[in-house]
Amino acid sequence: MYDAARRCFVVNANFARSFEKIGDVANAKLFDGKARTAYDMAFYSAKELGIPEEQVKRDVDAATQAELPRLVRDQAYLTASAKFCKERGMM
């Protein structure tokens, strides 16, 4: 769940920023909330795994650096990632 939560944080944050850019405040807030939930899930699952908070922050940053460019440029990957998160209840 730790890896999935980090990935879904990035996916939801990407959707939130996309909606924000086009002025869709309601959907931007919706996906921002989903991103926060995924972020919290990453921290909770990390705690269960004994992963220190500082490592979680580094891992989330690394996930953002790895995932975001691909989400932006690859529509098929974005769609697959959204499906991945929906299937895990994180979108």
C-alpha atoms as a PDB file:
ATOM      1  CA  MET A   1       0.000   0.000   0.000  1.00  0.00           C
ATOM      2  CA  TYR A   2       2.935   2.338   0.664  1.00  0.00           C
ATOM      3  CA  ASP A   3       4.075   2.458  -2.973  1.00  0.00           C
ATOM      4  CA  ALA A   4       0.512   2.710  -4.279  1.00  0.00           C
ATOM      5  CA  ALA A   5      -0.310   5.576  -1.914  1.00  0.00           C
ATOM      6  CA  ARG A   6       2.756   7.539  -3.029  1.00  0.00           C
ATOM      7  CA  ARG A   7       1.887   6.986  -6.681  1.00  0.00           C
ATOM      8  CA  CYS A   8      -1.754   7.940  -6.146  1.00  0.00           C
ATOM      9  CA  PHE A   9      -0.733  11.093  -4.293  1.00  0.00           C
ATOM     10  CA  VAL A  10       1.083  12.229  -7.428  1.00  0.00           C
ATOM     11  CA  VAL A  11      -1.764  11.205  -9.752  1.00  0.00           C
ATOM     12  CA  ASN A  12      -4.412  13.021  -7.711  1.00  0.00           C
ATOM     13  CA  ALA A  13      -2.228  16.099  -7.282  1.00  0.00           C
ATOM     14  CA  ASN A  14      -1.715  16.170 -11.053  1.00  0.00           C
ATOM     15  CA  PHE A  15      -5.478  16.110 -11.621  1.00  0.00           C
ATOM     16  CA  ALA A  16      -5.977  18.813  -8.972  1.00  0.00           C
ATOM     17  CA  ARG A  17      -3.461  21.129 -10.674  1.00  0.00           C
ATOM     18  CA  SER A  18      -4.977  20.436 -14.097  1.00  0.00           C
ATOM     19  CA  PHE A  19      -8.436  21.397 -12.892  1.00  0.00           C
ATOM     20  CA  GLU A  20      -7.018  24.416 -11.101  1.00  0.00           C
ATOM     21  CA  LYS A  21      -5.388  25.629 -14.329  1.00  0.00           C
ATOM     22  CA  ILE A  22      -8.719  25.608 -16.184  1.00  0.00           C
ATOM     23  CA  GLY A  23     -10.550  27.286 -13.316  1.00  0.00           C
ATOM     24  CA  ASP A  24     -12.591  24.262 -12.201  1.00  0.00           C
ATOM     25  CA  VAL A  25     -12.380  25.000  -8.491  1.00  0.00           C
ATOM     26  CA  ALA A  26     -14.764  22.235  -7.378  1.00  0.00           C
ATOM     27  CA  ASN A  27     -12.817  19.443  -9.082  1.00  0.00           C
ATOM     28  CA  ALA A  28      -9.490  20.987  -8.078  1.00  0.00           C
ATOM     29  CA  LYS A  29     -10.587  20.830  -4.429  1.00  0.00           C
ATOM     30  CA  LEU A  30     -11.943  17.310  -4.875  1.00  0.00           C
ATOM     31  CA  PHE A  31      -8.667  15.960  -6.257  1.00  0.00           C
ATOM     32  CA  ASP A  32      -6.588  17.986  -3.820  1.00  0.00           C
ATOM     33  CA  GLY A  33      -8.478  16.229  -1.028  1.00  0.00           C
ATOM     34  CA  LYS A  34      -7.858  12.863  -2.666  1.00  0.00           C
ATOM     35  CA  ALA A  35      -4.150  13.709  -2.945  1.00  0.00           C
ATOM     36  CA  ARG A  36      -4.047  14.583   0.757  1.00  0.00           C
ATOM     37  CA  THR A  37      -5.766  11.319   1.619  1.00  0.00           C
ATOM     38  CA  ALA A  38      -3.254   9.321  -0.442  1.00  0.00           C
ATOM     39  CA  TYR A  39      -0.396  11.236   1.193  1.00  0.00           C
ATOM     40  CA  ASP A  40      -1.792  10.426   4.636  1.00  0.00           C
ATOM     41  CA  MET A  41      -2.183   6.777   3.624  1.00  0.00           C
ATOM     42  CA  ALA A  42       1.479   6.712   2.607  1.00  0.00           C
ATOM     43  CA  PHE A  43       2.475   8.041   6.024  1.00  0.00           C
ATOM     44  CA  TYR A  44       0.187   5.619   7.860  1.00  0.00           C
ATOM     45  CA  SER A  45       1.412   2.579   5.933  1.00  0.00           C
ATOM     46  CA  ALA A  46       5.028   3.726   6.351  1.00  0.00           C
ATOM     47  CA  LYS A  47       4.513   3.920  10.088  1.00  0.00           C
ATOM     48  CA  GLU A  48       3.185   0.360  10.047  1.00  0.00           C
ATOM     49  CA  LEU A  49       6.270  -0.688   8.077  1.00  0.00           C
ATOM     50  CA  GLY A  50       8.655   1.161  10.382  1.00  0.00           C
ATOM     51  CA  ILE A  51       9.747   3.659   7.728  1.00  0.00           C
ATOM     52  CA  PRO A  52      10.883   6.971   9.284  1.00  0.00           C
ATOM     53  CA  GLU A  53       8.974  10.153   8.402  1.00  0.00           C
ATOM     54  CA  GLU A  54      12.009  11.757   6.741  1.00  0.00           C
ATOM     55  CA  GLN A  55      12.359   8.734   4.452  1.00  0.00           C
ATOM     56  CA  VAL A  56       8.671   8.986   3.533  1.00  0.00           C
ATOM     57  CA  LYS A  57       9.150  12.617   2.535  1.00  0.00           C
ATOM     58  CA  ARG A  58      12.135  11.666   0.367  1.00  0.00           C
ATOM     59  CA  ASP A  59      10.173   8.785  -1.174  1.00  0.00           C
ATOM     60  CA  VAL A  60       7.196  11.024  -1.956  1.00  0.00           C
ATOM     61  CA  ASP A  61       9.522  13.564  -3.563  1.00  0.00           C
ATOM     62  CA  ALA A  62      11.155  10.793  -5.605  1.00  0.00           C
ATOM     63  CA  ALA A  63       7.759   9.475  -6.696  1.00  0.00           C
ATOM     64  CA  THR A  64       6.752  12.982  -7.747  1.00  0.00           C
ATOM     65  CA  GLN A  65       9.949  13.457  -9.758  1.00  0.00           C
ATOM     66  CA  ALA A  66       9.521  10.074 -11.458  1.00  0.00           C
ATOM     67  CA  GLU A  67       5.771  10.060 -12.074  1.00  0.00           C
ATOM     68  CA  LEU A  68       4.815  13.642 -12.857  1.00  0.00           C
ATOM     69  CA  PRO A  69       6.674  14.085 -16.154  1.00  0.00           C
ATOM     70  CA  ARG A  70       5.307  10.807 -17.454  1.00  0.00           C
ATOM     71  CA  LEU A  71       1.743  11.644 -16.346  1.00  0.00           C
ATOM     72  CA  VAL A  72       1.938  14.963 -18.172  1.00  0.00           C
ATOM     73  CA  ARG A  73       3.299  13.663 -21.464  1.00  0.00           C
ATOM     74  CA  ASP A  74       1.696  10.199 -21.720  1.00  0.00           C
ATOM     75  CA  GLN A  75      -2.124  10.145 -21.820  1.00  0.00           C
ATOM     76  CA  ALA A  76      -2.270   6.333 -21.794  1.00  0.00           C
ATOM     77  CA  TYR A  77      -0.100   6.217 -18.679  1.00  0.00           C
ATOM     78  CA  LEU A  78      -2.269   8.874 -17.026  1.00  0.00           C
ATOM     79  CA  THR A  79      -5.395   6.826 -17.770  1.00  0.00           C
ATOM     80  CA  ALA A  80      -3.780   3.610 -16.515  1.00  0.00           C
ATOM     81  CA  SER A  81      -2.572   5.371 -13.365  1.00  0.00           C
ATOM     82  CA  ALA A  82      -6.032   6.774 -12.644  1.00  0.00           C
ATOM     83  CA  LYS A  83      -7.469   3.271 -13.044  1.00  0.00           C
ATOM     84  CA  PHE A  84      -4.760   1.880 -10.746  1.00  0.00           C
ATOM     85  CA  CYS A  85      -5.700   4.397  -8.048  1.00  0.00           C
ATOM     86  CA  LYS A  86      -9.447   3.892  -8.463  1.00  0.00           C
ATOM     87  CA  GLU A  87      -8.999   0.129  -8.083  1.00  0.00           C
ATOM     88  CA  ARG A  88      -7.245   0.732  -4.772  1.00  0.00           C
ATOM     89  CA  GLY A  89      -9.824   3.217  -3.484  1.00  0.00           C
ATOM     90  CA  MET A  90      -7.442   6.162  -3.714  1.00  0.00           C
ATOM     91  CA  MET A  91      -9.218   8.161  -6.399  1.00  0.00           C
END
